[in-house]
Amino acid sequence: MGRGCREVVVRHIETSDVVTGIWNDGRVGTLYGHRIKDMYDFGCTVFTDSSILHGVAKGEPPYYALMMPHIVEFFRTGKSPIDLKETLEIISFLEAANESRKTGKSVQL
């Protein structure tokens, strides 16, 4: 969802985690991560002002195979395909999610 997340909260139970991020402009992103043995598919639902989009990754081709051209280009050129500021915000988001999962409290970014 890009840069600008200001708050992250995680609700954790044994079988799943629900991660919610709130962005400065009012957008809300929610991730539902479940732990089901031997299930590796994943997907998303995106709500926009004009539509609802659904996507599911079923493993063919493997999702990491789609990243390989970008990874190879990164090692060839030394230039990341993701802006450094966005990379740092992703790391901050993940660290905040981990902290919230541990404490059960909302974490401000």
N, C-alpha and C. Protein backbone atom coordinates (compact mmCIF):
# COMPACT_ATOMS: atom_id res chain seq x y z
N MET A 1 0.81 -1.20 0.00
CA MET A 1 0.00 0.00 0.00
C MET A 1 0.85 1.25 0.00
N GLY A 2 2.14 1.05 -0.04
CA GLY A 2 3.03 2.20 -0.14
C GLY A 2 3.39 2.79 1.21
N ARG A 3 4.10 3.89 1.12
CA ARG A 3 4.61 4.56 2.32
C ARG A 3 3.49 5.27 3.07
N GLY A 4 3.77 5.60 4.34
CA GLY A 4 2.85 6.43 5.10
C GLY A 4 2.03 5.71 6.16
N CYS A 5 2.37 4.46 6.48
CA CYS A 5 1.66 3.77 7.55
C CYS A 5 2.03 4.43 8.88
N ARG A 6 1.02 4.71 9.70
CA ARG A 6 1.28 5.40 10.97
C ARG A 6 1.05 4.53 12.19
N GLU A 7 0.34 3.41 12.02
CA GLU A 7 0.00 2.58 13.18
C GLU A 7 -0.20 1.14 12.74
N VAL A 8 0.27 0.21 13.58
CA VAL A 8 0.12 -1.22 13.30
C VAL A 8 -0.36 -1.90 14.58
N VAL A 9 -1.32 -2.80 14.42
CA VAL A 9 -1.77 -3.61 15.55
C VAL A 9 -1.97 -5.05 15.07
N VAL A 10 -1.59 -5.99 15.92
CA VAL A 10 -1.72 -7.41 15.60
C VAL A 10 -2.57 -8.08 16.67
N ARG A 11 -3.50 -8.90 16.22
CA ARG A 11 -4.25 -9.78 17.11
C ARG A 11 -3.80 -11.19 16.79
N HIS A 12 -3.35 -11.91 17.81
CA HIS A 12 -2.73 -13.22 17.62
C HIS A 12 -3.51 -14.29 18.37
N ILE A 13 -3.77 -15.40 17.69
CA ILE A 13 -4.24 -16.62 18.34
C ILE A 13 -3.39 -17.76 17.80
N GLU A 14 -3.53 -18.93 18.36
CA GLU A 14 -2.66 -20.04 18.00
C GLU A 14 -2.65 -20.35 16.51
N THR A 15 -3.79 -20.22 15.86
CA THR A 15 -3.90 -20.62 14.45
C THR A 15 -3.74 -19.48 13.46
N SER A 16 -3.70 -18.23 13.93
CA SER A 16 -3.62 -17.14 12.97
C SER A 16 -3.21 -15.82 13.62
N ASP A 17 -2.84 -14.89 12.74
CA ASP A 17 -2.56 -13.51 13.13
C ASP A 17 -3.36 -12.60 12.21
N VAL A 18 -3.91 -11.52 12.76
CA VAL A 18 -4.55 -10.49 11.96
C VAL A 18 -3.76 -9.20 12.19
N VAL A 19 -3.18 -8.68 11.12
CA VAL A 19 -2.35 -7.48 11.18
C VAL A 19 -3.11 -6.35 10.50
N THR A 20 -3.27 -5.24 11.20
CA THR A 20 -3.97 -4.09 10.62
C THR A 20 -3.04 -2.88 10.66
N GLY A 21 -2.91 -2.23 9.51
CA GLY A 21 -2.14 -1.00 9.40
C GLY A 21 -3.06 0.14 9.04
N ILE A 22 -2.82 1.31 9.63
CA ILE A 22 -3.58 2.50 9.30
C ILE A 22 -2.62 3.52 8.72
N TRP A 23 -2.96 4.03 7.52
CA TRP A 23 -2.09 4.97 6.82
C TRP A 23 -2.49 6.40 7.14
N ASN A 24 -1.56 7.32 6.93
CA ASN A 24 -1.77 8.74 7.22
C ASN A 24 -2.98 9.32 6.50
N ASP A 25 -3.28 8.80 5.31
CA ASP A 25 -4.39 9.33 4.52
C ASP A 25 -5.71 8.62 4.82
N GLY A 26 -5.73 7.77 5.86
CA GLY A 26 -6.97 7.11 6.25
C GLY A 26 -7.18 5.71 5.69
N ARG A 27 -6.31 5.29 4.78
CA ARG A 27 -6.46 3.92 4.25
C ARG A 27 -6.15 2.91 5.34
N VAL A 28 -6.79 1.75 5.24
CA VAL A 28 -6.58 0.67 6.19
C VAL A 28 -6.23 -0.59 5.41
N GLY A 29 -5.17 -1.26 5.84
CA GLY A 29 -4.79 -2.53 5.24
C GLY A 29 -4.83 -3.61 6.31
N THR A 30 -5.43 -4.74 5.98
CA THR A 30 -5.54 -5.84 6.93
C THR A 30 -5.00 -7.12 6.29
N LEU A 31 -4.13 -7.79 7.01
CA LEU A 31 -3.55 -9.07 6.59
C LEU A 31 -4.03 -10.15 7.54
N TYR A 32 -4.59 -11.20 6.98
CA TYR A 32 -4.98 -12.35 7.78
C TYR A 32 -4.02 -13.48 7.44
N GLY A 33 -3.19 -13.84 8.39
CA GLY A 33 -2.22 -14.93 8.18
C GLY A 33 -2.63 -16.14 9.00
N HIS A 34 -2.84 -17.25 8.32
CA HIS A 34 -3.26 -18.45 9.04
C HIS A 34 -2.21 -19.54 8.92
N ARG A 35 -2.19 -20.42 9.88
CA ARG A 35 -1.24 -21.53 9.89
C ARG A 35 -1.99 -22.83 9.66
N ILE A 36 -1.99 -23.26 8.41
CA ILE A 36 -2.63 -24.52 8.05
C ILE A 36 -1.54 -25.42 7.49
N LYS A 37 -1.35 -26.56 8.10
CA LYS A 37 -0.28 -27.48 7.70
C LYS A 37 -0.39 -27.82 6.22
N ASP A 38 0.74 -27.72 5.53
CA ASP A 38 0.89 -28.08 4.12
C ASP A 38 0.03 -27.24 3.18
N MET A 39 -0.38 -26.05 3.59
CA MET A 39 -1.09 -25.14 2.69
C MET A 39 -0.23 -23.91 2.49
N TYR A 40 0.14 -23.66 1.24
CA TYR A 40 1.06 -22.57 0.95
C TYR A 40 0.48 -21.52 0.00
N ASP A 41 -0.74 -21.73 -0.47
CA ASP A 41 -1.38 -20.74 -1.33
C ASP A 41 -1.65 -19.47 -0.52
N PHE A 42 -1.73 -18.35 -1.22
CA PHE A 42 -2.10 -17.11 -0.55
C PHE A 42 -2.80 -16.22 -1.56
N GLY A 43 -3.47 -15.21 -1.07
CA GLY A 43 -4.20 -14.33 -1.97
C GLY A 43 -4.45 -12.98 -1.34
N CYS A 44 -5.23 -12.17 -2.04
CA CYS A 44 -5.55 -10.85 -1.52
C CYS A 44 -6.89 -10.39 -2.07
N THR A 45 -7.50 -9.48 -1.36
CA THR A 45 -8.67 -8.76 -1.83
C THR A 45 -8.35 -7.28 -1.69
N VAL A 46 -8.52 -6.55 -2.77
CA VAL A 46 -8.21 -5.12 -2.78
C VAL A 46 -9.49 -4.35 -3.05
N PHE A 47 -9.81 -3.42 -2.16
CA PHE A 47 -10.98 -2.56 -2.32
C PHE A 47 -10.49 -1.20 -2.80
N THR A 48 -11.01 -0.75 -3.94
CA THR A 48 -10.69 0.58 -4.45
C THR A 48 -11.96 1.43 -4.43
N ASP A 49 -11.84 2.67 -4.88
CA ASP A 49 -13.02 3.53 -4.94
C ASP A 49 -14.06 3.03 -5.93
N SER A 50 -13.61 2.24 -6.92
CA SER A 50 -14.54 1.84 -7.97
C SER A 50 -14.72 0.33 -8.14
N SER A 51 -13.96 -0.48 -7.42
CA SER A 51 -14.10 -1.93 -7.62
C SER A 51 -13.49 -2.72 -6.46
N ILE A 52 -13.73 -4.02 -6.51
CA ILE A 52 -13.12 -4.96 -5.58
C ILE A 52 -12.39 -6.00 -6.43
N LEU A 53 -11.11 -6.20 -6.16
CA LEU A 53 -10.29 -7.11 -6.94
C LEU A 53 -9.82 -8.26 -6.04
N HIS A 54 -9.82 -9.48 -6.60
CA HIS A 54 -9.37 -10.65 -5.86
C HIS A 54 -8.22 -11.31 -6.62
N GLY A 55 -7.26 -11.82 -5.90
CA GLY A 55 -6.16 -12.56 -6.51
C GLY A 55 -5.73 -13.70 -5.61
N VAL A 56 -5.38 -14.83 -6.21
CA VAL A 56 -4.91 -15.98 -5.45
C VAL A 56 -3.66 -16.51 -6.12
N ALA A 57 -2.62 -16.75 -5.33
CA ALA A 57 -1.38 -17.38 -5.83
C ALA A 57 -1.45 -18.86 -5.48
N LYS A 58 -1.52 -19.69 -6.49
CA LYS A 58 -1.68 -21.13 -6.28
C LYS A 58 -0.38 -21.90 -6.35
N GLY A 59 0.73 -21.23 -6.58
CA GLY A 59 2.01 -21.94 -6.57
C GLY A 59 2.54 -22.32 -7.94
N GLU A 60 1.82 -22.01 -9.00
CA GLU A 60 2.31 -22.30 -10.35
C GLU A 60 2.18 -21.06 -11.21
N PRO A 61 3.23 -20.42 -11.63
CA PRO A 61 4.60 -20.72 -11.21
C PRO A 61 4.79 -20.32 -9.75
N PRO A 62 5.81 -20.87 -9.10
CA PRO A 62 6.06 -20.49 -7.71
C PRO A 62 6.24 -18.97 -7.61
N TYR A 63 5.67 -18.37 -6.57
CA TYR A 63 5.71 -16.91 -6.45
C TYR A 63 7.12 -16.36 -6.48
N TYR A 64 8.08 -17.10 -5.91
CA TYR A 64 9.46 -16.60 -5.89
C TYR A 64 10.06 -16.58 -7.29
N ALA A 65 9.58 -17.45 -8.19
CA ALA A 65 10.09 -17.46 -9.56
C ALA A 65 9.78 -16.14 -10.26
N LEU A 66 8.67 -15.52 -9.91
CA LEU A 66 8.30 -14.24 -10.51
C LEU A 66 9.20 -13.11 -10.02
N MET A 67 9.84 -13.30 -8.87
CA MET A 67 10.75 -12.28 -8.34
C MET A 67 12.16 -12.42 -8.92
N MET A 68 12.49 -13.58 -9.46
CA MET A 68 13.86 -13.85 -9.89
C MET A 68 14.43 -12.84 -10.87
N PRO A 69 13.70 -12.41 -11.90
CA PRO A 69 14.29 -11.41 -12.81
C PRO A 69 14.70 -10.13 -12.07
N HIS A 70 13.92 -9.71 -11.09
CA HIS A 70 14.23 -8.50 -10.32
C HIS A 70 15.44 -8.73 -9.41
N ILE A 71 15.54 -9.92 -8.84
CA ILE A 71 16.67 -10.26 -7.98
C ILE A 71 17.96 -10.30 -8.79
N VAL A 72 17.91 -10.94 -9.95
CA VAL A 72 19.09 -11.02 -10.83
C VAL A 72 19.52 -9.62 -11.25
N GLU A 73 18.56 -8.78 -11.63
CA GLU A 73 18.88 -7.41 -12.04
C GLU A 73 19.51 -6.63 -10.88
N PHE A 74 19.00 -6.85 -9.66
CA PHE A 74 19.58 -6.19 -8.49
C PHE A 74 21.04 -6.58 -8.32
N PHE A 75 21.34 -7.87 -8.41
CA PHE A 75 22.73 -8.30 -8.24
C PHE A 75 23.61 -7.86 -9.41
N ARG A 76 23.02 -7.74 -10.59
CA ARG A 76 23.78 -7.31 -11.75
C ARG A 76 24.13 -5.82 -11.68
N THR A 77 23.15 -5.00 -11.24
CA THR A 77 23.34 -3.54 -11.27
C THR A 77 23.63 -2.92 -9.91
N GLY A 78 23.25 -3.61 -8.84
CA GLY A 78 23.37 -3.04 -7.50
C GLY A 78 22.27 -2.05 -7.16
N LYS A 79 21.28 -1.90 -8.07
CA LYS A 79 20.18 -0.96 -7.84
C LYS A 79 18.93 -1.74 -7.46
N SER A 80 18.39 -1.43 -6.28
CA SER A 80 17.19 -2.11 -5.80
C SER A 80 15.97 -1.70 -6.61
N PRO A 81 15.06 -2.65 -6.89
CA PRO A 81 13.82 -2.29 -7.59
C PRO A 81 12.83 -1.56 -6.68
N ILE A 82 13.14 -1.51 -5.39
CA ILE A 82 12.27 -0.84 -4.42
C ILE A 82 13.03 0.34 -3.82
N ASP A 83 12.40 1.50 -3.81
CA ASP A 83 13.00 2.72 -3.27
C ASP A 83 13.47 2.49 -1.83
N LEU A 84 14.62 3.02 -1.48
CA LEU A 84 15.19 2.82 -0.14
C LEU A 84 14.25 3.29 0.96
N LYS A 85 13.60 4.44 0.78
CA LYS A 85 12.68 4.95 1.81
C LYS A 85 11.51 3.98 2.02
N GLU A 86 11.01 3.41 0.92
CA GLU A 86 9.93 2.43 1.05
C GLU A 86 10.43 1.16 1.73
N THR A 87 11.64 0.73 1.40
CA THR A 87 12.23 -0.45 2.04
C THR A 87 12.33 -0.24 3.55
N LEU A 88 12.78 0.93 3.97
CA LEU A 88 12.89 1.21 5.40
C LEU A 88 11.52 1.23 6.08
N GLU A 89 10.50 1.73 5.38
CA GLU A 89 9.16 1.72 5.96
C GLU A 89 8.61 0.30 6.06
N ILE A 90 8.93 -0.55 5.09
CA ILE A 90 8.52 -1.96 5.17
C ILE A 90 9.13 -2.61 6.40
N ILE A 91 10.42 -2.37 6.60
CA ILE A 91 11.11 -2.94 7.77
C ILE A 91 10.48 -2.41 9.06
N SER A 92 10.19 -1.12 9.11
CA SER A 92 9.55 -0.53 10.30
C SER A 92 8.18 -1.15 10.55
N PHE A 93 7.43 -1.37 9.47
CA PHE A 93 6.11 -2.00 9.58
C PHE A 93 6.24 -3.40 10.18
N LEU A 94 7.18 -4.19 9.66
CA LEU A 94 7.36 -5.55 10.15
C LEU A 94 7.81 -5.57 11.61
N GLU A 95 8.72 -4.66 11.97
CA GLU A 95 9.16 -4.58 13.37
C GLU A 95 8.01 -4.17 14.28
N ALA A 96 7.18 -3.23 13.83
CA ALA A 96 6.03 -2.81 14.62
C ALA A 96 5.03 -3.95 14.77
N ALA A 97 4.83 -4.72 13.70
CA ALA A 97 3.92 -5.87 13.78
C ALA A 97 4.43 -6.89 14.78
N ASN A 98 5.73 -7.16 14.77
CA ASN A 98 6.31 -8.10 15.74
C ASN A 98 6.13 -7.60 17.17
N GLU A 99 6.36 -6.31 17.38
CA GLU A 99 6.20 -5.73 18.72
C GLU A 99 4.74 -5.81 19.17
N SER A 100 3.82 -5.47 18.28
CA SER A 100 2.41 -5.53 18.62
C SER A 100 1.97 -6.96 18.93
N ARG A 101 2.50 -7.90 18.17
CA ARG A 101 2.15 -9.31 18.41
C ARG A 101 2.60 -9.73 19.81
N LYS A 102 3.79 -9.28 20.21
CA LYS A 102 4.32 -9.63 21.54
C LYS A 102 3.51 -8.98 22.67
N THR A 103 3.16 -7.70 22.49
CA THR A 103 2.55 -6.93 23.58
C THR A 103 1.03 -6.89 23.53
N GLY A 104 0.46 -7.14 22.33
CA GLY A 104 -0.98 -7.02 22.18
C GLY A 104 -1.45 -5.58 22.05
N LYS A 105 -0.50 -4.64 21.96
CA LYS A 105 -0.84 -3.22 21.89
C LYS A 105 -0.55 -2.66 20.50
N SER A 106 -1.24 -1.58 20.17
CA SER A 106 -1.00 -0.86 18.93
C SER A 106 0.37 -0.20 19.00
N VAL A 107 1.08 -0.17 17.86
CA VAL A 107 2.41 0.44 17.79
C VAL A 107 2.37 1.58 16.78
N GLN A 108 2.79 2.76 17.21
CA GLN A 108 2.86 3.93 16.34
C GLN A 108 4.17 3.90 15.57
N LEU A 109 4.13 4.28 14.31
CA LEU A 109 5.35 4.34 13.49
C LEU A 109 5.82 5.78 13.37
